[in-house]
Amino acid sequence: MELSPTGDNLYITNSTQQKLFTLVRDGSVVATLDPELQYTTGAHVTPSGQVLVCGQASKIILQVDSKGSKKPANLGGPWSVCYNSNTDSIIVGRVNNNKILLYQVQ
């Protein structure tokens, strides 16, 4: 689960249903994202409000902006993701691998 910087949206991943749900303050589901994700394992919201979602089986991290536009990044088995605003980098934890990947954001 991740909360938007404004506190208006709550993002929840569901690996069984392979979806990312967006809920508003009253608990209503306002968006569901699923077409490219397989086995959603983690999400992170950046300070600018972009949501990074791990699809472990699909081997992608999906970047979703506030308008729902998507941009996939192909990675091998991402399990967790975090954006570090101090270094402008994305940190990716992988499954079945004792390595952490670090990507500089351009």
PDB file of N, CA and C in Angstrom:
ATOM      1  N   MET A   1       0.830  -1.177   0.000  1.00  0.00           N
ATOM      2  CA  MET A   1       0.000   0.000   0.000  1.00  0.00           C
ATOM      3  C   MET A   1       0.877   1.245   0.000  1.00  0.00           C
ATOM      4  N   GLU A   2       0.455   2.219  -0.739  1.00  0.00           N
ATOM      5  CA  GLU A   2       1.160   3.499  -0.800  1.00  0.00           C
ATOM      6  C   GLU A   2       0.130   4.620  -0.831  1.00  0.00           C
ATOM      7  N   LEU A   3       0.492   5.732  -0.228  1.00  0.00           N
ATOM      8  CA  LEU A   3      -0.368   6.905  -0.184  1.00  0.00           C
ATOM      9  C   LEU A   3       0.223   7.987  -1.072  1.00  0.00           C
ATOM     10  N   SER A   4      -0.631   8.689  -1.809  1.00  0.00           N
ATOM     11  CA  SER A   4      -0.151   9.781  -2.662  1.00  0.00           C
ATOM     12  C   SER A   4       0.401  10.907  -1.792  1.00  0.00           C
ATOM     13  N   PRO A   5       1.285  11.751  -2.348  1.00  0.00           N
ATOM     14  CA  PRO A   5       1.855  12.853  -1.567  1.00  0.00           C
ATOM     15  C   PRO A   5       0.802  13.799  -0.979  1.00  0.00           C
ATOM     16  N   THR A   6      -0.320  13.943  -1.660  1.00  0.00           N
ATOM     17  CA  THR A   6      -1.384  14.828  -1.172  1.00  0.00           C
ATOM     18  C   THR A   6      -2.293  14.140  -0.158  1.00  0.00           C
ATOM     19  N   GLY A   7      -2.189  12.812  -0.066  1.00  0.00           N
ATOM     20  CA  GLY A   7      -3.040  12.058   0.841  1.00  0.00           C
ATOM     21  C   GLY A   7      -4.417  11.775   0.291  1.00  0.00           C
ATOM     22  N   ASP A   8      -4.641  12.103  -0.976  1.00  0.00           N
ATOM     23  CA  ASP A   8      -5.960  11.914  -1.588  1.00  0.00           C
ATOM     24  C   ASP A   8      -6.191  10.506  -2.126  1.00  0.00           C
ATOM     25  N   ASN A   9      -5.124   9.836  -2.562  1.00  0.00           N
ATOM     26  CA  ASN A   9      -5.257   8.516  -3.174  1.00  0.00           C
ATOM     27  C   ASN A   9      -4.452   7.474  -2.408  1.00  0.00           C
ATOM     28  N   LEU A  10      -5.007   6.277  -2.321  1.00  0.00           N
ATOM     29  CA  LEU A  10      -4.325   5.134  -1.734  1.00  0.00           C
ATOM     30  C   LEU A  10      -4.171   4.096  -2.836  1.00  0.00           C
ATOM     31  N   TYR A  11      -2.960   3.598  -3.018  1.00  0.00           N
ATOM     32  CA  TYR A  11      -2.673   2.622  -4.070  1.00  0.00           C
ATOM     33  C   TYR A  11      -2.417   1.271  -3.419  1.00  0.00           C
ATOM     34  N   ILE A  12      -3.139   0.254  -3.875  1.00  0.00           N
ATOM     35  CA  ILE A  12      -3.028  -1.082  -3.305  1.00  0.00           C
ATOM     36  C   ILE A  12      -2.764  -2.079  -4.423  1.00  0.00           C
ATOM     37  N   THR A  13      -1.710  -2.891  -4.260  1.00  0.00           N
ATOM     38  CA  THR A  13      -1.448  -3.956  -5.230  1.00  0.00           C
ATOM     39  C   THR A  13      -2.104  -5.237  -4.738  1.00  0.00           C
ATOM     40  N   ASN A  14      -2.564  -6.049  -5.687  1.00  0.00           N
ATOM     41  CA  ASN A  14      -3.162  -7.336  -5.374  1.00  0.00           C
ATOM     42  C   ASN A  14      -2.549  -8.363  -6.311  1.00  0.00           C
ATOM     43  N   SER A  15      -1.656  -9.206  -5.770  1.00  0.00           N
ATOM     44  CA  SER A  15      -0.954 -10.171  -6.618  1.00  0.00           C
ATOM     45  C   SER A  15      -1.875 -11.277  -7.120  1.00  0.00           C
ATOM     46  N   THR A  16      -2.905 -11.629  -6.361  1.00  0.00           N
ATOM     47  CA  THR A  16      -3.833 -12.675  -6.789  1.00  0.00           C
ATOM     48  C   THR A  16      -4.638 -12.223  -8.001  1.00  0.00           C
ATOM     49  N   GLN A  17      -5.135 -10.990  -7.955  1.00  0.00           N
ATOM     50  CA  GLN A  17      -5.916 -10.453  -9.071  1.00  0.00           C
ATOM     51  C   GLN A  17      -5.043  -9.764 -10.112  1.00  0.00           C
ATOM     52  N   GLN A  18      -3.738  -9.605  -9.808  1.00  0.00           N
ATOM     53  CA  GLN A  18      -2.778  -8.982 -10.718  1.00  0.00           C
ATOM     54  C   GLN A  18      -3.211  -7.573 -11.106  1.00  0.00           C
ATOM     55  N   LYS A  19      -3.520  -6.756 -10.089  1.00  0.00           N
ATOM     56  CA  LYS A  19      -4.029  -5.414 -10.349  1.00  0.00           C
ATOM     57  C   LYS A  19      -3.444  -4.398  -9.379  1.00  0.00           C
ATOM     58  N   LEU A  20      -3.528  -3.145  -9.789  1.00  0.00           N
ATOM     59  CA  LEU A  20      -3.265  -2.001  -8.926  1.00  0.00           C
ATOM     60  C   LEU A  20      -4.585  -1.258  -8.779  1.00  0.00           C
ATOM     61  N   PHE A  21      -5.040  -1.107  -7.537  1.00  0.00           N
ATOM     62  CA  PHE A  21      -6.280  -0.386  -7.262  1.00  0.00           C
ATOM     63  C   PHE A  21      -5.948   1.004  -6.731  1.00  0.00           C
ATOM     64  N   THR A  22      -6.707   1.995  -7.167  1.00  0.00           N
ATOM     65  CA  THR A  22      -6.588   3.351  -6.644  1.00  0.00           C
ATOM     66  C   THR A  22      -7.878   3.678  -5.907  1.00  0.00           C
ATOM     67  N   LEU A  23      -7.746   4.003  -4.631  1.00  0.00           N
ATOM     68  CA  LEU A  23      -8.895   4.348  -3.802  1.00  0.00           C
ATOM     69  C   LEU A  23      -8.792   5.803  -3.367  1.00  0.00           C
ATOM     70  N   VAL A  24      -9.955   6.441  -3.190  1.00  0.00           N
ATOM     71  CA  VAL A  24      -9.996   7.807  -2.666  1.00  0.00           C
ATOM     72  C   VAL A  24     -10.370   7.745  -1.187  1.00  0.00           C
ATOM     73  N   ARG A  25     -10.419   8.907  -0.545  1.00  0.00           N
ATOM     74  CA  ARG A  25     -10.604   8.988   0.907  1.00  0.00           C
ATOM     75  C   ARG A  25     -11.834   8.255   1.442  1.00  0.00           C
ATOM     76  N   ASP A  26     -12.923   8.214   0.683  1.00  0.00           N
ATOM     77  CA  ASP A  26     -14.128   7.546   1.184  1.00  0.00           C
ATOM     78  C   ASP A  26     -14.100   6.036   0.959  1.00  0.00           C
ATOM     79  N   GLY A  27     -13.005   5.523   0.387  1.00  0.00           N
ATOM     80  CA  GLY A  27     -12.859   4.086   0.160  1.00  0.00           C
ATOM     81  C   GLY A  27     -13.308   3.619  -1.208  1.00  0.00           C
ATOM     82  N   SER A  28     -13.819   4.526  -2.027  1.00  0.00           N
ATOM     83  CA  SER A  28     -14.263   4.156  -3.373  1.00  0.00           C
ATOM     84  C   SER A  28     -13.067   3.846  -4.261  1.00  0.00           C
ATOM     85  N   VAL A  29     -13.215   2.798  -5.065  1.00  0.00           N
ATOM     86  CA  VAL A  29     -12.191   2.462  -6.054  1.00  0.00           C
ATOM     87  C   VAL A  29     -12.437   3.344  -7.268  1.00  0.00           C
ATOM     88  N   VAL A  30     -11.453   4.175  -7.615  1.00  0.00           N
ATOM     89  CA  VAL A  30     -11.626   5.094  -8.737  1.00  0.00           C
ATOM     90  C   VAL A  30     -10.864   4.649  -9.978  1.00  0.00           C
ATOM     91  N   ALA A  31      -9.941   3.705  -9.812  1.00  0.00           N
ATOM     92  CA  ALA A  31      -9.188   3.214 -10.972  1.00  0.00           C
ATOM     93  C   ALA A  31      -8.638   1.827 -10.671  1.00  0.00           C
ATOM     94  N   THR A  32      -8.555   1.032 -11.717  1.00  0.00           N
ATOM     95  CA  THR A  32      -7.960  -0.294 -11.632  1.00  0.00           C
ATOM     96  C   THR A  32      -7.038  -0.453 -12.827  1.00  0.00           C
ATOM     97  N   LEU A  33      -5.819  -0.860 -12.563  1.00  0.00           N
ATOM     98  CA  LEU A  33      -4.840  -1.026 -13.632  1.00  0.00           C
ATOM     99  C   LEU A  33      -4.358  -2.463 -13.620  1.00  0.00           C
ATOM    100  N   ASP A  34      -4.403  -3.136 -14.777  1.00  0.00           N
ATOM    101  CA  ASP A  34      -3.962  -4.516 -14.796  1.00  0.00           C
ATOM    102  C   ASP A  34      -3.406  -5.062 -16.101  1.00  0.00           C
ATOM    103  N   PRO A  35      -3.514  -4.411 -17.236  1.00  0.00           N
ATOM    104  CA  PRO A  35      -3.237  -5.086 -18.496  1.00  0.00           C
ATOM    105  C   PRO A  35      -1.830  -5.644 -18.659  1.00  0.00           C
ATOM    106  N   GLU A  36      -0.821  -4.990 -18.118  1.00  0.00           N
ATOM    107  CA  GLU A  36       0.538  -5.451 -18.350  1.00  0.00           C
ATOM    108  C   GLU A  36       1.164  -6.115 -17.136  1.00  0.00           C
ATOM    109  N   LEU A  37       0.495  -6.067 -15.999  1.00  0.00           N
ATOM    110  CA  LEU A  37       1.094  -6.567 -14.772  1.00  0.00           C
ATOM    111  C   LEU A  37       0.746  -8.023 -14.517  1.00  0.00           C
ATOM    112  N   GLN A  38       1.749  -8.778 -14.116  1.00  0.00           N
ATOM    113  CA  GLN A  38       1.541 -10.159 -13.702  1.00  0.00           C
ATOM    114  C   GLN A  38       2.224 -10.336 -12.358  1.00  0.00           C
ATOM    115  N   TYR A  39       1.458 -10.711 -11.354  1.00  0.00           N
ATOM    116  CA  TYR A  39       1.908 -10.916  -9.984  1.00  0.00           C
ATOM    117  C   TYR A  39       2.485  -9.623  -9.409  1.00  0.00           C
ATOM    118  N   THR A  40       1.597  -8.682  -9.137  1.00  0.00           N
ATOM    119  CA  THR A  40       2.002  -7.391  -8.572  1.00  0.00           C
ATOM    120  C   THR A  40       2.496  -7.593  -7.148  1.00  0.00           C
ATOM    121  N   THR A  41       3.718  -7.157  -6.884  1.00  0.00           N
ATOM    122  CA  THR A  41       4.337  -7.423  -5.588  1.00  0.00           C
ATOM    123  C   THR A  41       4.664  -6.184  -4.783  1.00  0.00           C
ATOM    124  N   GLY A  42       4.667  -5.027  -5.385  1.00  0.00           N
ATOM    125  CA  GLY A  42       5.009  -3.830  -4.630  1.00  0.00           C
ATOM    126  C   GLY A  42       4.723  -2.581  -5.420  1.00  0.00           C
ATOM    127  N   ALA A  43       4.620  -1.481  -4.691  1.00  0.00           N
ATOM    128  CA  ALA A  43       4.385  -0.187  -5.327  1.00  0.00           C
ATOM    129  C   ALA A  43       5.067   0.891  -4.502  1.00  0.00           C
ATOM    130  N   HIS A  44       5.348   1.998  -5.157  1.00  0.00           N
ATOM    131  CA  HIS A  44       5.937   3.154  -4.478  1.00  0.00           C
ATOM    132  C   HIS A  44       5.430   4.409  -5.174  1.00  0.00           C
ATOM    133  N   VAL A  45       5.106   5.425  -4.387  1.00  0.00           N
ATOM    134  CA  VAL A  45       4.669   6.704  -4.939  1.00  0.00           C
ATOM    135  C   VAL A  45       5.800   7.707  -4.765  1.00  0.00           C
ATOM    136  N   THR A  46       6.197   8.339  -5.861  1.00  0.00           N
ATOM    137  CA  THR A  46       7.271   9.332  -5.815  1.00  0.00           C
ATOM    138  C   THR A  46       6.728  10.657  -5.272  1.00  0.00           C
ATOM    139  N   PRO A  47       7.608  11.562  -4.858  1.00  0.00           N
ATOM    140  CA  PRO A  47       7.143  12.867  -4.374  1.00  0.00           C
ATOM    141  C   PRO A  47       6.317  13.641  -5.405  1.00  0.00           C
ATOM    142  N   SER A  48       6.538  13.376  -6.697  1.00  0.00           N
ATOM    143  CA  SER A  48       5.760  14.062  -7.739  1.00  0.00           C
ATOM    144  C   SER A  48       4.423  13.380  -8.013  1.00  0.00           C
ATOM    145  N   GLY A  49       4.153  12.256  -7.330  1.00  0.00           N
ATOM    146  CA  GLY A  49       2.869  11.579  -7.476  1.00  0.00           C
ATOM    147  C   GLY A  49       2.841  10.447  -8.475  1.00  0.00           C
ATOM    148  N   GLN A  50       3.961  10.141  -9.112  1.00  0.00           N
ATOM    149  CA  GLN A  50       3.992   9.002 -10.024  1.00  0.00           C
ATOM    150  C   GLN A  50       4.035   7.713  -9.204  1.00  0.00           C
ATOM    151  N   VAL A  51       3.353   6.691  -9.708  1.00  0.00           N
ATOM    152  CA  VAL A  51       3.299   5.413  -9.013  1.00  0.00           C
ATOM    153  C   VAL A  51       4.164   4.419  -9.777  1.00  0.00           C
ATOM    154  N   LEU A  52       5.073   3.758  -9.070  1.00  0.00           N
ATOM    155  CA  LEU A  52       5.902   2.704  -9.645  1.00  0.00           C
ATOM    156  C   LEU A  52       5.365   1.385  -9.120  1.00  0.00           C
ATOM    157  N   VAL A  53       5.000   0.467 -10.024  1.00  0.00           N
ATOM    158  CA  VAL A  53       4.383  -0.798  -9.640  1.00  0.00           C
ATOM    159  C   VAL A  53       5.204  -1.959 -10.177  1.00  0.00           C
ATOM    160  N   CYS A  54       5.509  -2.929  -9.303  1.00  0.00           N
ATOM    161  CA  CYS A  54       6.270  -4.119  -9.709  1.00  0.00           C
ATOM    162  C   CYS A  54       5.339  -5.193 -10.237  1.00  0.00           C
ATOM    163  N   GLY A  55       5.690  -5.744 -11.385  1.00  0.00           N
ATOM    164  CA  GLY A  55       5.045  -6.933 -11.911  1.00  0.00           C
ATOM    165  C   GLY A  55       6.098  -8.025 -11.939  1.00  0.00           C
ATOM    166  N   GLN A  56       6.161  -8.837 -10.889  1.00  0.00           N
ATOM    167  CA  GLN A  56       7.252  -9.802 -10.740  1.00  0.00           C
ATOM    168  C   GLN A  56       7.273 -10.816 -11.879  1.00  0.00           C
ATOM    169  N   ALA A  57       6.145 -11.435 -12.193  1.00  0.00           N
ATOM    170  CA  ALA A  57       6.110 -12.456 -13.243  1.00  0.00           C
ATOM    171  C   ALA A  57       6.232 -11.855 -14.640  1.00  0.00           C
ATOM    172  N   SER A  58       5.729 -10.638 -14.834  1.00  0.00           N
ATOM    173  CA  SER A  58       5.849  -9.985 -16.140  1.00  0.00           C
ATOM    174  C   SER A  58       7.207  -9.307 -16.312  1.00  0.00           C
ATOM    175  N   LYS A  59       7.995  -9.259 -15.222  1.00  0.00           N
ATOM    176  CA  LYS A  59       9.365  -8.722 -15.239  1.00  0.00           C
ATOM    177  C   LYS A  59       9.423  -7.258 -15.641  1.00  0.00           C
ATOM    178  N   ILE A  60       8.418  -6.498 -15.194  1.00  0.00           N
ATOM    179  CA  ILE A  60       8.410  -5.065 -15.504  1.00  0.00           C
ATOM    180  C   ILE A  60       8.120  -4.248 -14.251  1.00  0.00           C
ATOM    181  N   ILE A  61       8.526  -3.004 -14.309  1.00  0.00           N
ATOM    182  CA  ILE A  61       8.033  -1.995 -13.381  1.00  0.00           C
ATOM    183  C   ILE A  61       7.259  -1.019 -14.243  1.00  0.00           C
ATOM    184  N   LEU A  62       6.039  -0.770 -13.847  1.00  0.00           N
ATOM    185  CA  LEU A  62       5.175   0.126 -14.599  1.00  0.00           C
ATOM    186  C   LEU A  62       5.148   1.476 -13.892  1.00  0.00           C
ATOM    187  N   GLN A  63       5.430   2.522 -14.638  1.00  0.00           N
ATOM    188  CA  GLN A  63       5.378   3.889 -14.116  1.00  0.00           C
ATOM    189  C   GLN A  63       4.052   4.485 -14.557  1.00  0.00           C
ATOM    190  N   VAL A  64       3.238   4.897 -13.599  1.00  0.00           N
ATOM    191  CA  VAL A  64       1.913   5.426 -13.893  1.00  0.00           C
ATOM    192  C   VAL A  64       1.832   6.852 -13.353  1.00  0.00           C
ATOM    193  N   ASP A  65       1.430   7.793 -14.205  1.00  0.00           N
ATOM    194  CA  ASP A  65       1.293   9.170 -13.726  1.00  0.00           C
ATOM    195  C   ASP A  65      -0.137   9.416 -13.248  1.00  0.00           C
ATOM    196  N   SER A  66      -0.399  10.610 -12.779  1.00  0.00           N
ATOM    197  CA  SER A  66      -1.705  10.930 -12.198  1.00  0.00           C
ATOM    198  C   SER A  66      -2.846  10.856 -13.206  1.00  0.00           C
ATOM    199  N   LYS A  67      -2.536  10.887 -14.494  1.00  0.00           N
ATOM    200  CA  LYS A  67      -3.566  10.800 -15.529  1.00  0.00           C
ATOM    201  C   LYS A  67      -3.767   9.371 -16.026  1.00  0.00           C
ATOM    202  N   GLY A  68      -2.998   8.424 -15.477  1.00  0.00           N
ATOM    203  CA  GLY A  68      -3.135   7.032 -15.872  1.00  0.00           C
ATOM    204  C   GLY A  68      -2.251   6.615 -17.023  1.00  0.00           C
ATOM    205  N   SER A  69      -1.414   7.525 -17.527  1.00  0.00           N
ATOM    206  CA  SER A  69      -0.487   7.155 -18.601  1.00  0.00           C
ATOM    207  C   SER A  69       0.556   6.201 -18.043  1.00  0.00           C
ATOM    208  N   LYS A  70       0.913   5.188 -18.837  1.00  0.00           N
ATOM    209  CA  LYS A  70       1.810   4.140 -18.371  1.00  0.00           C
ATOM    210  C   LYS A  70       3.090   4.115 -19.185  1.00  0.00           C
ATOM    211  N   LYS A  71       4.149   3.701 -18.519  1.00  0.00           N
ATOM    212  CA  LYS A  71       5.434   3.540 -19.186  1.00  0.00           C
ATOM    213  C   LYS A  71       6.136   2.348 -18.543  1.00  0.00           C
ATOM    214  N   PRO A  72       6.244   1.210 -19.257  1.00  0.00           N
ATOM    215  CA  PRO A  72       6.885   0.038 -18.652  1.00  0.00           C
ATOM    216  C   PRO A  72       8.406   0.079 -18.765  1.00  0.00           C
ATOM    217  N   ALA A  73       9.060  -0.502 -17.779  1.00  0.00           N
ATOM    218  CA  ALA A  73      10.509  -0.693 -17.812  1.00  0.00           C
ATOM    219  C   ALA A  73      10.760  -2.179 -17.622  1.00  0.00           C
ATOM    220  N   ASN A  74      11.444  -2.800 -18.573  1.00  0.00           N
ATOM    221  CA  ASN A  74      11.709  -4.231 -18.499  1.00  0.00           C
ATOM    222  C   ASN A  74      12.850  -4.516 -17.534  1.00  0.00           C
ATOM    223  N   LEU A  75      12.554  -5.319 -16.521  1.00  0.00           N
ATOM    224  CA  LEU A  75      13.529  -5.712 -15.510  1.00  0.00           C
ATOM    225  C   LEU A  75      13.321  -7.182 -15.193  1.00  0.00           C
ATOM    226  N   GLY A  76      14.337  -7.824 -14.699  1.00  0.00           N
ATOM    227  CA  GLY A  76      14.225  -9.238 -14.362  1.00  0.00           C
ATOM    228  C   GLY A  76      13.662  -9.471 -12.976  1.00  0.00           C
ATOM    229  N   GLY A  77      12.405  -9.822 -12.878  1.00  0.00           N
ATOM    230  CA  GLY A  77      11.787 -10.221 -11.621  1.00  0.00           C
ATOM    231  C   GLY A  77      11.778  -9.193 -10.510  1.00  0.00           C
ATOM    232  N   PRO A  78      11.268  -7.983 -10.733  1.00  0.00           N
ATOM    233  CA  PRO A  78      11.247  -6.994  -9.652  1.00  0.00           C
ATOM    234  C   PRO A  78      10.277  -7.394  -8.538  1.00  0.00           C
ATOM    235  N   TRP A  79      10.693  -7.231  -7.296  1.00  0.00           N
ATOM    236  CA  TRP A  79       9.853  -7.569  -6.150  1.00  0.00           C
ATOM    237  C   TRP A  79       9.423  -6.319  -5.385  1.00  0.00           C
ATOM    238  N   SER A  80      10.347  -5.370  -5.283  1.00  0.00           N
ATOM    239  CA  SER A  80      10.039  -4.130  -4.575  1.00  0.00           C
ATOM    240  C   SER A  80      10.713  -2.969  -5.290  1.00  0.00           C
ATOM    241  N   VAL A  81      10.173  -1.773  -5.083  1.00  0.00           N
ATOM    242  CA  VAL A  81      10.709  -0.599  -5.768  1.00  0.00           C
ATOM    243  C   VAL A  81      10.585   0.616  -4.858  1.00  0.00           C
ATOM    244  N   CYS A  82      11.553   1.516  -4.970  1.00  0.00           N
ATOM    245  CA  CYS A  82      11.541   2.745  -4.187  1.00  0.00           C
ATOM    246  C   CYS A  82      12.258   3.833  -4.974  1.00  0.00           C
ATOM    247  N   TYR A  83      11.766   5.047  -4.886  1.00  0.00           N
ATOM    248  CA  TYR A  83      12.420   6.186  -5.521  1.00  0.00           C
ATOM    249  C   TYR A  83      13.119   6.997  -4.446  1.00  0.00           C
ATOM    250  N   ASN A  84      14.396   7.306  -4.649  1.00  0.00           N
ATOM    251  CA  ASN A  84      15.166   8.122  -3.716  1.00  0.00           C
ATOM    252  C   ASN A  84      15.287   9.524  -4.301  1.00  0.00           C
ATOM    253  N   SER A  85      14.557  10.477  -3.724  1.00  0.00           N
ATOM    254  CA  SER A  85      14.562  11.840  -4.258  1.00  0.00           C
ATOM    255  C   SER A  85      15.866  12.573  -3.969  1.00  0.00           C
ATOM    256  N   ASN A  86      16.641  12.110  -2.998  1.00  0.00           N
ATOM    257  CA  ASN A  86      17.934  12.741  -2.705  1.00  0.00           C
ATOM    258  C   ASN A  86      18.963  12.468  -3.791  1.00  0.00           C
ATOM    259  N   THR A  87      18.887  11.280  -4.389  1.00  0.00           N
ATOM    260  CA  THR A  87      19.864  10.901  -5.420  1.00  0.00           C
ATOM    261  C   THR A  87      19.240  10.778  -6.803  1.00  0.00           C
ATOM    262  N   ASP A  88      17.931  11.049  -6.929  1.00  0.00           N
ATOM    263  CA  ASP A  88      17.210  10.860  -8.194  1.00  0.00           C
ATOM    264  C   ASP A  88      17.475   9.477  -8.772  1.00  0.00           C
ATOM    265  N   SER A  89      17.223   8.464  -7.961  1.00  0.00           N
ATOM    266  CA  SER A  89      17.451   7.095  -8.420  1.00  0.00           C
ATOM    267  C   SER A  89      16.293   6.197  -8.004  1.00  0.00           C
ATOM    268  N   ILE A  90      16.115   5.139  -8.781  1.00  0.00           N
ATOM    269  CA  ILE A  90      15.119   4.120  -8.483  1.00  0.00           C
ATOM    270  C   ILE A  90      15.871   2.892  -7.994  1.00  0.00           C
ATOM    271  N   ILE A  91      15.438   2.367  -6.848  1.00  0.00           N
ATOM    272  CA  ILE A  91      16.060   1.197  -6.244  1.00  0.00           C
ATOM    273  C   ILE A  91      15.091   0.036  -6.418  1.00  0.00           C
ATOM    274  N   VAL A  92      15.589  -1.074  -6.975  1.00  0.00           N
ATOM    275  CA  VAL A  92      14.740  -2.226  -7.265  1.00  0.00           C
ATOM    276  C   VAL A  92      15.283  -3.455  -6.551  1.00  0.00           C
ATOM    277  N   GLY A  93      14.430  -4.088  -5.750  1.00  0.00           N
ATOM    278  CA  GLY A  93      14.760  -5.374  -5.140  1.00  0.00           C
ATOM    279  C   GLY A  93      14.217  -6.471  -6.029  1.00  0.00           C
ATOM    280  N   ARG A  94      15.011  -7.525  -6.215  1.00  0.00           N
ATOM    281  CA  ARG A  94      14.592  -8.594  -7.126  1.00  0.00           C
ATOM    282  C   ARG A  94      14.337  -9.885  -6.369  1.00  0.00           C
ATOM    283  N   VAL A  95      13.515 -10.739  -6.948  1.00  0.00           N
ATOM    284  CA  VAL A  95      13.189 -12.027  -6.351  1.00  0.00           C
ATOM    285  C   VAL A  95      14.217 -13.070  -6.800  1.00  0.00           C
ATOM    286  N   ASN A  96      14.482 -14.043  -5.932  1.00  0.00           N
ATOM    287  CA  ASN A  96      15.428 -15.133  -6.221  1.00  0.00           C
ATOM    288  C   ASN A  96      16.800 -14.617  -6.617  1.00  0.00           C
ATOM    289  N   ASN A  97      17.197 -13.503  -6.030  1.00  0.00           N
ATOM    290  CA  ASN A  97      18.457 -12.880  -6.399  1.00  0.00           C
ATOM    291  C   ASN A  97      18.882 -12.011  -5.221  1.00  0.00           C
ATOM    292  N   ASN A  98      20.098 -12.111  -4.813  1.00  0.00           N
ATOM    293  CA  ASN A  98      20.572 -11.317  -3.677  1.00  0.00           C
ATOM    294  C   ASN A  98      21.133  -9.979  -4.113  1.00  0.00           C
ATOM    295  N   LYS A  99      20.577  -9.400  -5.147  1.00  0.00           N
ATOM    296  CA  LYS A  99      21.075  -8.141  -5.674  1.00  0.00           C
ATOM    297  C   LYS A  99      19.992  -7.073  -5.639  1.00  0.00           C
ATOM    298  N   ILE A 100      20.444  -5.848  -5.470  1.00  0.00           N
ATOM    299  CA  ILE A 100      19.569  -4.685  -5.578  1.00  0.00           C
ATOM    300  C   ILE A 100      20.048  -3.888  -6.779  1.00  0.00           C
ATOM    301  N   LEU A 101      19.126  -3.488  -7.627  1.00  0.00           N
ATOM    302  CA  LEU A 101      19.477  -2.695  -8.803  1.00  0.00           C
ATOM    303  C   LEU A 101      19.245  -1.221  -8.511  1.00  0.00           C
ATOM    304  N   LEU A 102      20.127  -0.385  -9.014  1.00  0.00           N
ATOM    305  CA  LEU A 102      20.028   1.054  -8.822  1.00  0.00           C
ATOM    306  C   LEU A 102      20.041   1.722 -10.189  1.00  0.00           C
ATOM    307  N   TYR A 103      19.012   2.517 -10.477  1.00  0.00           N
ATOM    308  CA  TYR A 103      18.899   3.209 -11.757  1.00  0.00           C
ATOM    309  C   TYR A 103      18.847   4.709 -11.519  1.00  0.00           C
ATOM    310  N   GLN A 104      19.677   5.444 -12.210  1.00  0.00           N
ATOM    311  CA  GLN A 104      19.636   6.903 -12.150  1.00  0.00           C
ATOM    312  C   GLN A 104      18.504   7.399 -13.040  1.00  0.00           C
ATOM    313  N   VAL A 105      17.707   8.312 -12.536  1.00  0.00           N
ATOM    314  CA  VAL A 105      16.607   8.895 -13.298  1.00  0.00           C
ATOM    315  C   VAL A 105      17.150  10.081 -14.076  1.00  0.00           C
ATOM    316  N   GLN A 106      16.791  10.148 -15.346  1.00  0.00           N
ATOM    317  CA  GLN A 106      17.289  11.229 -16.195  1.00  0.00           C
ATOM    318  C   GLN A 106      16.226  12.261 -16.432  1.00  0.00           C
TER     319      GLN A 106
END
